[in-house]
C-alpha atoms as a PDB file:
ATOM      1  CA  MET A   1     118.749 120.245 104.540  1.00  0.00           C
ATOM      2  CA  ILE A   2     118.945 116.496 105.202  1.00  0.00           C
ATOM      3  CA  THR A   3     119.329 114.239 102.161  1.00  0.00           C
ATOM      4  CA  VAL A   4     118.602 110.516 102.237  1.00  0.00           C
ATOM      5  CA  THR A   5     119.888 108.254  99.464  1.00  0.00           C
ATOM      6  CA  GLY A   6     117.972 105.136  98.475  1.00  0.00           C
ATOM      7  CA  ALA A   7     114.912 106.929  99.808  1.00  0.00           C
ATOM      8  CA  THR A   8     112.383 104.648  98.092  1.00  0.00           C
ATOM      9  CA  GLY A   9     113.988 101.488  99.506  1.00  0.00           C
ATOM     10  CA  GLN A  10     112.645  99.629 102.514  1.00  0.00           C
ATOM     11  CA  LEU A  11     114.968 101.353 104.990  1.00  0.00           C
ATOM     12  CA  GLY A  12     114.990 104.711 103.206  1.00  0.00           C
ATOM     13  CA  ARG A  13     111.241 105.178 103.363  1.00  0.00           C
ATOM     14  CA  LEU A  14     111.254 104.433 107.084  1.00  0.00           C
ATOM     15  CA  VAL A  15     114.019 106.993 107.654  1.00  0.00           C
ATOM     16  CA  ILE A  16     112.041 109.635 105.745  1.00  0.00           C
ATOM     17  CA  ALA A  17     108.959 108.833 107.841  1.00  0.00           C
ATOM     18  CA  ALA A  18     110.989 109.202 111.047  1.00  0.00           C
ATOM     19  CA  LEU A  19     112.469 112.530 109.930  1.00  0.00           C
ATOM     20  CA  LEU A  20     109.038 113.882 109.007  1.00  0.00           C
ATOM     21  CA  LYS A  21     108.012 113.555 112.652  1.00  0.00           C
ATOM     22  CA  GLU A  22     110.627 116.184 113.540  1.00  0.00           C
ATOM     23  CA  LEU A  23     111.202 118.276 110.399  1.00  0.00           C
ATOM     24  CA  PRO A  24     109.097 120.044 107.772  1.00  0.00           C
ATOM     25  CA  PRO A  25     109.044 118.197 104.437  1.00  0.00           C
ATOM     26  CA  SER A  26     110.877 121.078 102.761  1.00  0.00           C
ATOM     27  CA  GLY A  27     113.918 120.296 104.907  1.00  0.00           C
ATOM     28  CA  ILE A  28     114.257 116.772 103.557  1.00  0.00           C
ATOM     29  CA  THR A  29     115.532 115.600 100.181  1.00  0.00           C
ATOM     30  CA  ALA A  30     114.822 112.116  98.868  1.00  0.00           C
ATOM     31  CA  ALA A  31     117.679 111.116  96.567  1.00  0.00           C
ATOM     32  CA  VAL A  32     116.407 108.300  94.367  1.00  0.00           C
ATOM     33  CA  ARG A  33     117.331 106.472  91.200  1.00  0.00           C
ATOM     34  CA  ASP A  34     113.769 106.644  89.847  1.00  0.00           C
ATOM     35  CA  PRO A  35     111.847 109.796  90.891  1.00  0.00           C
ATOM     36  CA  GLY A  36     108.656 108.202  89.590  1.00  0.00           C
ATOM     37  CA  LYS A  37     108.711 105.851  92.551  1.00  0.00           C
ATOM     38  CA  ALA A  38     108.841 108.786  94.967  1.00  0.00           C
ATOM     39  CA  LYS A  39     105.652 110.564  93.906  1.00  0.00           C
ATOM     40  CA  ASP A  40     104.097 109.937  97.308  1.00  0.00           C
ATOM     41  CA  LEU A  41     107.062 111.634  98.974  1.00  0.00           C
ATOM     42  CA  ALA A  42     106.866 114.576  96.584  1.00  0.00           C
ATOM     43  CA  ASP A  43     103.151 114.900  97.354  1.00  0.00           C
ATOM     44  CA  LEU A  44     104.064 115.270 101.029  1.00  0.00           C
ATOM     45  CA  GLY A  45     106.365 118.177 100.171  1.00  0.00           C
ATOM     46  CA  VAL A  46     109.660 116.272 100.352  1.00  0.00           C
ATOM     47  CA  GLN A  47     112.147 117.380  97.709  1.00  0.00           C
ATOM     48  CA  VAL A  48     112.873 114.574  95.247  1.00  0.00           C
ATOM     49  CA  ARG A  49     116.098 114.518  93.256  1.00  0.00           C
ATOM     50  CA  THR A  50     117.551 111.970  90.863  1.00  0.00           C
ATOM     51  CA  ALA A  51     120.589 110.223  92.335  1.00  0.00           C
ATOM     52  CA  ASP A  52     122.039 107.144  90.640  1.00  0.00           C
ATOM     53  CA  TYR A  53     125.098 105.572  92.271  1.00  0.00           C
ATOM     54  CA  ASP A  54     126.295 104.611  88.790  1.00  0.00           C
ATOM     55  CA  LYS A  55     125.957 108.177  87.443  1.00  0.00           C
ATOM     56  CA  PRO A  56     128.234 110.448  89.522  1.00  0.00           C
ATOM     57  CA  ASP A  57     126.941 113.663  87.924  1.00  0.00           C
ATOM     58  CA  THR A  58     123.454 112.965  89.271  1.00  0.00           C
ATOM     59  CA  LEU A  59     124.894 112.563  92.758  1.00  0.00           C
ATOM     60  CA  LYS A  60     126.661 115.910  92.628  1.00  0.00           C
ATOM     61  CA  GLU A  61     123.426 117.647  91.637  1.00  0.00           C
ATOM     62  CA  ALA A  62     121.351 115.763  94.196  1.00  0.00           C
ATOM     63  CA  PHE A  63     123.648 116.630  97.087  1.00  0.00           C
ATOM     64  CA  LYS A  64     123.874 120.376  96.427  1.00  0.00           C
ATOM     65  CA  GLY A  65     122.812 122.386  99.459  1.00  0.00           C
ATOM     66  CA  THR A  66     122.894 119.317 101.713  1.00  0.00           C
ATOM     67  CA  ASP A  67     123.870 119.903 105.334  1.00  0.00           C
ATOM     68  CA  LYS A  68     123.646 116.270 106.401  1.00  0.00           C
ATOM     69  CA  LEU A  69     123.624 113.217 104.149  1.00  0.00           C
ATOM     70  CA  LEU A  70     122.536 109.653 104.903  1.00  0.00           C
ATOM     71  CA  LEU A  71     124.314 107.260 102.568  1.00  0.00           C
ATOM     72  CA  ILE A  72     122.289 104.061 102.673  1.00  0.00           C
ATOM     73  CA  SER A  73     124.514 101.260 101.463  1.00  0.00           C
ATOM     74  CA  SER A  74     123.790  99.986  97.992  1.00  0.00           C
ATOM     75  CA  SER A  75     122.106  96.600  97.606  1.00  0.00           C
ATOM     76  CA  GLU A  76     124.301  95.654  94.647  1.00  0.00           C
ATOM     77  CA  ILE A  77     126.827  93.349  96.283  1.00  0.00           C
ATOM     78  CA  GLY A  78     130.169  93.407  94.499  1.00  0.00           C
ATOM     79  CA  ARG A  79     129.621  96.913  93.114  1.00  0.00           C
ATOM     80  CA  ARG A  80     129.129  98.787  96.338  1.00  0.00           C
ATOM     81  CA  VAL A  81     132.661 100.058  96.894  1.00  0.00           C
ATOM     82  CA  ARG A  82     132.717 101.854  93.538  1.00  0.00           C
ATOM     83  CA  GLN A  83     129.173 103.146  94.000  1.00  0.00           C
ATOM     84  CA  HIS A  84     129.820 104.359  97.524  1.00  0.00           C
ATOM     85  CA  GLY A  85     133.055 105.975  96.393  1.00  0.00           C
ATOM     86  CA  ALA A  86     131.124 108.020  93.848  1.00  0.00           C
ATOM     87  CA  ALA A  87     128.672 109.134  96.537  1.00  0.00           C
ATOM     88  CA  ILE A  88     131.477 110.094  98.925  1.00  0.00           C
ATOM     89  CA  ASP A  89     133.206 112.115  96.210  1.00  0.00           C
ATOM     90  CA  ALA A  90     129.938 113.892  95.437  1.00  0.00           C
ATOM     91  CA  ALA A  91     129.379 114.619  99.128  1.00  0.00           C
ATOM     92  CA  ARG A  92     132.852 116.128  99.385  1.00  0.00           C
ATOM     93  CA  SER A  93     132.203 118.215  96.267  1.00  0.00           C
ATOM     94  CA  ALA A  94     128.952 119.475  97.808  1.00  0.00           C
ATOM     95  CA  GLN A  95     130.755 120.247 101.090  1.00  0.00           C
ATOM     96  CA  VAL A  96     128.261 118.190 103.065  1.00  0.00           C
ATOM     97  CA  GLY A  97     128.446 118.983 106.780  1.00  0.00           C
ATOM     98  CA  LEU A  98     127.960 115.407 108.003  1.00  0.00           C
ATOM     99  CA  LEU A  99     127.991 112.069 106.185  1.00  0.00           C
ATOM    100  CA  ALA A 100     126.151 109.222 107.897  1.00  0.00           C
ATOM    101  CA  TYR A 101     126.692 105.726 106.486  1.00  0.00           C
ATOM    102  CA  THR A 102     124.730 102.523 107.141  1.00  0.00           C
ATOM    103  CA  SER A 103     127.503 100.009 107.663  1.00  0.00           C
ATOM    104  CA  GLY A 104     127.420  96.524 109.220  1.00  0.00           C
ATOM    105  CA  LEU A 105     127.676  95.348 112.814  1.00  0.00           C
ATOM    106  CA  HIS A 106     131.321  95.266 113.958  1.00  0.00           C
ATOM    107  CA  ALA A 107     132.327  95.885 110.349  1.00  0.00           C
ATOM    108  CA  ASP A 108     135.971  96.380 111.301  1.00  0.00           C
ATOM    109  CA  THR A 109     136.311  92.866 112.740  1.00  0.00           C
ATOM    110  CA  SER A 110     133.355  90.879 111.385  1.00  0.00           C
ATOM    111  CA  PRO A 111     134.170  87.680 109.447  1.00  0.00           C
ATOM    112  CA  LEU A 112     131.065  88.017 107.265  1.00  0.00           C
ATOM    113  CA  ILE A 113     131.579  88.334 103.506  1.00  0.00           C
ATOM    114  CA  LEU A 114     129.120  91.214 103.592  1.00  0.00           C
ATOM    115  CA  SER A 115     131.441  93.179 105.884  1.00  0.00           C
ATOM    116  CA  ALA A 116     134.323  93.470 103.406  1.00  0.00           C
ATOM    117  CA  GLU A 117     132.658  96.188 101.314  1.00  0.00           C
ATOM    118  CA  HIS A 118     131.578  98.011 104.468  1.00  0.00           C
ATOM    119  CA  ARG A 119     135.183  98.091 105.718  1.00  0.00           C
ATOM    120  CA  LYS A 120     136.397  99.531 102.422  1.00  0.00           C
ATOM    121  CA  THR A 121     133.612 102.128 102.410  1.00  0.00           C
ATOM    122  CA  GLU A 122     134.366 103.156 105.988  1.00  0.00           C
ATOM    123  CA  ALA A 123     138.028 103.605 105.025  1.00  0.00           C
ATOM    124  CA  MET A 124     137.068 105.841 102.092  1.00  0.00           C
ATOM    125  CA  ILE A 125     134.839 107.924 104.350  1.00  0.00           C
ATOM    126  CA  ARG A 126     137.633 108.418 106.878  1.00  0.00           C
ATOM    127  CA  GLN A 127     140.052 109.362 104.101  1.00  0.00           C
ATOM    128  CA  SER A 128     137.588 111.858 102.590  1.00  0.00           C
ATOM    129  CA  GLY A 129     138.075 114.395 105.346  1.00  0.00           C
ATOM    130  CA  LEU A 130     134.308 114.775 105.736  1.00  0.00           C
ATOM    131  CA  PRO A 131     132.694 114.856 109.170  1.00  0.00           C
ATOM    132  CA  PHE A 132     131.038 111.441 109.514  1.00  0.00           C
ATOM    133  CA  VAL A 133     129.047 109.086 111.703  1.00  0.00           C
ATOM    134  CA  LEU A 134     129.002 105.328 111.153  1.00  0.00           C
ATOM    135  CA  LEU A 135     125.761 103.450 111.756  1.00  0.00           C
ATOM    136  CA  ARG A 136     126.824  99.816 112.018  1.00  0.00           C
ATOM    137  CA  ASN A 137     123.476  98.114 111.611  1.00  0.00           C
ATOM    138  CA  GLY A 138     122.988  94.603 112.922  1.00  0.00           C
ATOM    139  CA  TRP A 139     120.734  91.942 111.454  1.00  0.00           C
ATOM    140  CA  TYR A 140     117.212  92.859 110.394  1.00  0.00           C
ATOM    141  CA  THR A 141     114.548  90.698 112.067  1.00  0.00           C
ATOM    142  CA  GLU A 142     112.712  90.771 108.726  1.00  0.00           C
ATOM    143  CA  ASN A 143     115.519  88.622 107.299  1.00  0.00           C
ATOM    144  CA  HIS A 144     114.102  85.847 109.458  1.00  0.00           C
ATOM    145  CA  THR A 145     110.395  86.620 109.510  1.00  0.00           C
ATOM    146  CA  ALA A 146     110.359  86.384 105.702  1.00  0.00           C
ATOM    147  CA  SER A 147     110.887  82.632 106.094  1.00  0.00           C
ATOM    148  CA  ILE A 148     107.874  82.121 108.382  1.00  0.00           C
ATOM    149  CA  PRO A 149     105.344  81.131 105.667  1.00  0.00           C
ATOM    150  CA  ALA A 150     107.630  78.384 104.351  1.00  0.00           C
ATOM    151  CA  ALA A 151     108.453  77.252 107.886  1.00  0.00           C
ATOM    152  CA  LEU A 152     104.761  76.908 108.710  1.00  0.00           C
ATOM    153  CA  GLU A 153     104.086  75.058 105.466  1.00  0.00           C
ATOM    154  CA  HIS A 154     106.833  72.498 106.022  1.00  0.00           C
ATOM    155  CA  GLY A 155     107.079  72.521 109.805  1.00  0.00           C
ATOM    156  CA  THR A 156     110.805  73.119 109.533  1.00  0.00           C
ATOM    157  CA  LEU A 157     113.080  76.132 109.693  1.00  0.00           C
ATOM    158  CA  LEU A 158     116.399  75.530 107.948  1.00  0.00           C
ATOM    159  CA  GLY A 159     119.758  77.154 108.586  1.00  0.00           C
ATOM    160  CA  CYS A 160     123.367  76.775 109.628  1.00  0.00           C
ATOM    161  CA  ALA A 161     123.464  79.230 112.542  1.00  0.00           C
ATOM    162  CA  GLY A 162     123.915  76.510 115.161  1.00  0.00           C
ATOM    163  CA  THR A 163     123.351  77.872 118.652  1.00  0.00           C
ATOM    164  CA  GLY A 164     124.646  81.326 117.713  1.00  0.00           C
ATOM    165  CA  ARG A 165     122.823  84.207 119.395  1.00  0.00           C
ATOM    166  CA  ILE A 166     121.380  86.843 117.068  1.00  0.00           C
ATOM    167  CA  SER A 167     120.769  90.403 118.239  1.00  0.00           C
ATOM    168  CA  SER A 168     118.362  91.511 115.539  1.00  0.00           C
ATOM    169  CA  ALA A 169     115.916  94.398 115.361  1.00  0.00           C
ATOM    170  CA  PRO A 170     113.340  95.413 112.733  1.00  0.00           C
ATOM    171  CA  ARG A 171     114.207  97.964 110.058  1.00  0.00           C
ATOM    172  CA  ALA A 172     112.026 100.589 111.710  1.00  0.00           C
ATOM    173  CA  ASP A 173     114.287 100.609 114.772  1.00  0.00           C
ATOM    174  CA  TYR A 174     117.391 101.125 112.620  1.00  0.00           C
ATOM    175  CA  ALA A 175     115.556 103.841 110.681  1.00  0.00           C
ATOM    176  CA  ASP A 176     114.789 105.675 113.923  1.00  0.00           C
ATOM    177  CA  ALA A 177     118.474 105.440 114.840  1.00  0.00           C
ATOM    178  CA  ALA A 178     119.537 106.893 111.498  1.00  0.00           C
ATOM    179  CA  ALA A 179     117.075 109.754 111.916  1.00  0.00           C
ATOM    180  CA  MET A 180     118.386 110.478 115.403  1.00  0.00           C
ATOM    181  CA  ALA A 181     122.000 110.513 114.192  1.00  0.00           C
ATOM    182  CA  LEU A 182     121.000 113.062 111.564  1.00  0.00           C
ATOM    183  CA  LEU A 183     119.023 115.220 113.975  1.00  0.00           C
ATOM    184  CA  LEU A 184     121.531 115.306 116.834  1.00  0.00           C
ATOM    185  CA  GLU A 185     124.390 117.793 116.786  1.00  0.00           C
ATOM    186  CA  ASP A 186     127.175 115.756 118.419  1.00  0.00           C
ATOM    187  CA  GLN A 187     127.644 112.900 115.980  1.00  0.00           C
ATOM    188  CA  ASP A 188     130.886 113.741 114.145  1.00  0.00           C
ATOM    189  CA  GLY A 189     133.340 110.862 114.525  1.00  0.00           C
ATOM    190  CA  ARG A 190     130.943 108.558 116.328  1.00  0.00           C
ATOM    191  CA  VAL A 191     130.679 104.856 115.544  1.00  0.00           C
ATOM    192  CA  HIS A 192     127.391 103.273 116.632  1.00  0.00           C
ATOM    193  CA  GLU A 193     127.193  99.487 116.985  1.00  0.00           C
ATOM    194  CA  LEU A 194     123.460  98.955 116.529  1.00  0.00           C
ATOM    195  CA  ALA A 195     121.639  95.746 117.454  1.00  0.00           C
ATOM    196  CA  GLY A 196     118.595  94.449 119.266  1.00  0.00           C
ATOM    197  CA  ASP A 197     118.486  94.394 123.067  1.00  0.00           C
ATOM    198  CA  ARG A 198     117.565  90.709 123.369  1.00  0.00           C
ATOM    199  CA  ALA A 199     119.422  88.026 121.457  1.00  0.00           C
ATOM    200  CA  TYR A 200     117.923  84.687 120.438  1.00  0.00           C
ATOM    201  CA  THR A 201     118.945  81.481 118.693  1.00  0.00           C
ATOM    202  CA  MET A 202     117.231  80.074 115.630  1.00  0.00           C
ATOM    203  CA  LYS A 203     115.821  77.340 117.878  1.00  0.00           C
ATOM    204  CA  ASP A 204     114.279  80.121 119.963  1.00  0.00           C
ATOM    205  CA  PHE A 205     112.905  81.690 116.790  1.00  0.00           C
ATOM    206  CA  ALA A 206     111.294  78.413 115.682  1.00  0.00           C
ATOM    207  CA  GLY A 207     109.827  78.011 119.159  1.00  0.00           C
ATOM    208  CA  GLU A 208     108.283  81.479 119.016  1.00  0.00           C
ATOM    209  CA  ILE A 209     106.672  80.683 115.653  1.00  0.00           C
ATOM    210  CA  THR A 210     105.283  77.476 117.157  1.00  0.00           C
ATOM    211  CA  ARG A 211     103.890  79.304 120.184  1.00  0.00           C
ATOM    212  CA  GLN A 212     102.179  82.028 118.208  1.00  0.00           C
ATOM    213  CA  ALA A 213     100.981  80.070 115.192  1.00  0.00           C
ATOM    214  CA  GLY A 214      99.873  77.001 117.089  1.00  0.00           C
ATOM    215  CA  LYS A 215     101.717  74.755 114.628  1.00  0.00           C
ATOM    216  CA  LYS A 216     104.920  72.923 115.447  1.00  0.00           C
ATOM    217  CA  VAL A 217     108.006  74.334 113.731  1.00  0.00           C
ATOM    218  CA  VAL A 218     111.442  72.878 114.461  1.00  0.00           C
ATOM    219  CA  TYR A 219     114.824  74.302 113.590  1.00  0.00           C
ATOM    220  CA  LYS A 220     117.031  72.008 111.503  1.00  0.00           C
ATOM    221  CA  ASP A 221     120.697  72.929 111.554  1.00  0.00           C
ATOM    222  CA  MET A 222     122.917  71.760 108.722  1.00  0.00           C
ATOM    223  CA  PRO A 223     126.411  72.321 107.317  1.00  0.00           C
ATOM    224  CA  GLU A 224     126.929  75.635 105.519  1.00  0.00           C
ATOM    225  CA  ALA A 225     127.482  74.043 102.101  1.00  0.00           C
ATOM    226  CA  GLU A 226     124.324  71.975 102.449  1.00  0.00           C
ATOM    227  CA  TYR A 227     122.258  74.989 103.461  1.00  0.00           C
ATOM    228  CA  ARG A 228     123.641  76.983 100.549  1.00  0.00           C
ATOM    229  CA  ALA A 229     122.625  74.168  98.178  1.00  0.00           C
ATOM    230  CA  VAL A 230     119.113  74.156  99.639  1.00  0.00           C
ATOM    231  CA  LEU A 231     118.792  77.899  99.017  1.00  0.00           C
ATOM    232  CA  VAL A 232     119.956  77.495  95.427  1.00  0.00           C
ATOM    233  CA  SER A 233     117.486  74.655  94.865  1.00  0.00           C
ATOM    234  CA  ALA A 234     114.753  76.966  96.185  1.00  0.00           C
ATOM    235  CA  GLY A 235     115.539  79.409  93.376  1.00  0.00           C
ATOM    236  CA  LEU A 236     117.955  81.879  94.964  1.00  0.00           C
ATOM    237  CA  PRO A 237     120.878  83.088  92.834  1.00  0.00           C
ATOM    238  CA  GLU A 238     124.202  81.458  93.713  1.00  0.00           C
ATOM    239  CA  VAL A 239     125.716  84.701  94.996  1.00  0.00           C
ATOM    240  CA  LEU A 240     122.785  85.491  97.285  1.00  0.00           C
ATOM    241  CA  ALA A 241     122.609  81.923  98.561  1.00  0.00           C
ATOM    242  CA  ALA A 242     126.308  82.028  99.399  1.00  0.00           C
ATOM    243  CA  LEU A 243     125.918  85.338 101.261  1.00  0.00           C
ATOM    244  CA  LEU A 244     122.948  84.120 103.301  1.00  0.00           C
ATOM    245  CA  ALA A 245     124.665  80.859 104.176  1.00  0.00           C
ATOM    246  CA  ASP A 246     127.831  82.747 105.116  1.00  0.00           C
ATOM    247  CA  SER A 247     125.820  85.073 107.366  1.00  0.00           C
ATOM    248  CA  ASP A 248     124.148  82.121 109.074  1.00  0.00           C
ATOM    249  CA  SER A 249     127.484  80.429 109.556  1.00  0.00           C
ATOM    250  CA  GLY A 250     128.881  83.691 110.906  1.00  0.00           C
ATOM    251  CA  ALA A 251     126.023  83.826 113.391  1.00  0.00           C
ATOM    252  CA  SER A 252     127.140  80.456 114.751  1.00  0.00           C
ATOM    253  CA  LYS A 253     130.470  82.122 115.575  1.00  0.00           C
ATOM    254  CA  GLY A 254     128.917  85.197 117.210  1.00  0.00           C
ATOM    255  CA  ALA A 255     129.044  87.578 114.238  1.00  0.00           C
ATOM    256  CA  LEU A 256     125.421  88.699 114.673  1.00  0.00           C
ATOM    257  CA  PHE A 257     125.570  89.137 118.450  1.00  0.00           C
ATOM    258  CA  ASP A 258     126.011  92.411 120.330  1.00  0.00           C
ATOM    259  CA  ASP A 259     125.022  93.314 123.860  1.00  0.00           C
ATOM    260  CA  SER A 260     126.099  96.961 123.982  1.00  0.00           C
ATOM    261  CA  HIS A 261     122.511  98.265 123.705  1.00  0.00           C
ATOM    262  CA  GLY A 262     123.753 100.978 121.374  1.00  0.00           C
ATOM    263  CA  LEU A 263     120.554 100.931 119.328  1.00  0.00           C
ATOM    264  CA  SER A 264     118.158 101.390 122.230  1.00  0.00           C
ATOM    265  CA  GLY A 265     120.486 104.029 123.648  1.00  0.00           C
ATOM    266  CA  LEU A 266     120.386 106.053 120.443  1.00  0.00           C
ATOM    267  CA  ILE A 267     116.632 105.816 119.871  1.00  0.00           C
ATOM    268  CA  GLY A 268     115.772 106.334 123.541  1.00  0.00           C
ATOM    269  CA  ARG A 269     113.564 103.260 123.921  1.00  0.00           C
ATOM    270  CA  PRO A 270     113.906  99.471 124.038  1.00  0.00           C
ATOM    271  CA  THR A 271     114.280  97.776 120.679  1.00  0.00           C
ATOM    272  CA  THR A 272     111.299  95.862 119.302  1.00  0.00           C
ATOM    273  CA  PRO A 273     111.343  92.263 120.594  1.00  0.00           C
ATOM    274  CA  MET A 274     111.543  89.393 118.139  1.00  0.00           C
ATOM    275  CA  ARG A 275     108.195  88.084 119.372  1.00  0.00           C
ATOM    276  CA  GLU A 276     106.444  91.246 118.154  1.00  0.00           C
ATOM    277  CA  SER A 277     107.978  90.899 114.700  1.00  0.00           C
ATOM    278  CA  VAL A 278     106.872  87.256 114.586  1.00  0.00           C
ATOM    279  CA  ALA A 279     103.338  88.249 115.573  1.00  0.00           C
ATOM    280  CA  ALA A 280     103.183  90.892 112.847  1.00  0.00           C
ATOM    281  CA  ALA A 281     104.459  88.454 110.227  1.00  0.00           C
ATOM    282  CA  ILE A 282     101.959  85.756 111.174  1.00  0.00           C
ATOM    283  CA  LYS A 283      99.080  88.246 111.055  1.00  0.00           C
ATOM    284  CA  GLY A 284     100.271  89.240 107.579  1.00  0.00           C
END
């Protein structure tokens, strides 16, 4: 039995879809906070169980009978260490055979604010005594393609990434990697640094939008504080704006770059190029 937490999230659904290509639905459990949002998965024959990171008892019930567990990191920044700790405890109680965790690229050395909670979670996993595999996911290309409509409207793409190279890949590629780590039998103790095969700068990204959309888009680099203020003025919460600006700034220092090709090696194919993600976003 393979159990996937956060199974109705953007990454979780893609992992379930990848697993269904190799396993019968009865061998997969979708652990979700709201089972009502997983009716489509239940209709396919996937087992659906309630699992709320903030309610440890639900986790213990959800993980019963689980051979391999994918712990998809919580989206609640600032609360993740406690939430992940509850999931790890529940996995240990259920005697899970392998715990896979979606961490962050180079989490052990990354300067990104986002990496701090990943480091603490990885430490708890190591201390748990459970067999584990760490999936250190790089940047999602969707984090950038989401800004394409605004960039086309204003002709400008804003950021503070400088000339930093970004090795991103779409969520579907990371989902395939997670599925492979759960399906393979030699993953205990492995740490996968996962990132796109071909890195690009934000100037490159703006140029690709221009080429495909036929409308000039230029990249405007600015100081981190100024970019953070722009994001806040656009309606983003202060905390989220600070995290995005910090990630951009980190990219300027190489925090989102990796050339190990660990992702393509795990999924057995090249990662999806940025240009294809741009094309899909422009088509809508």
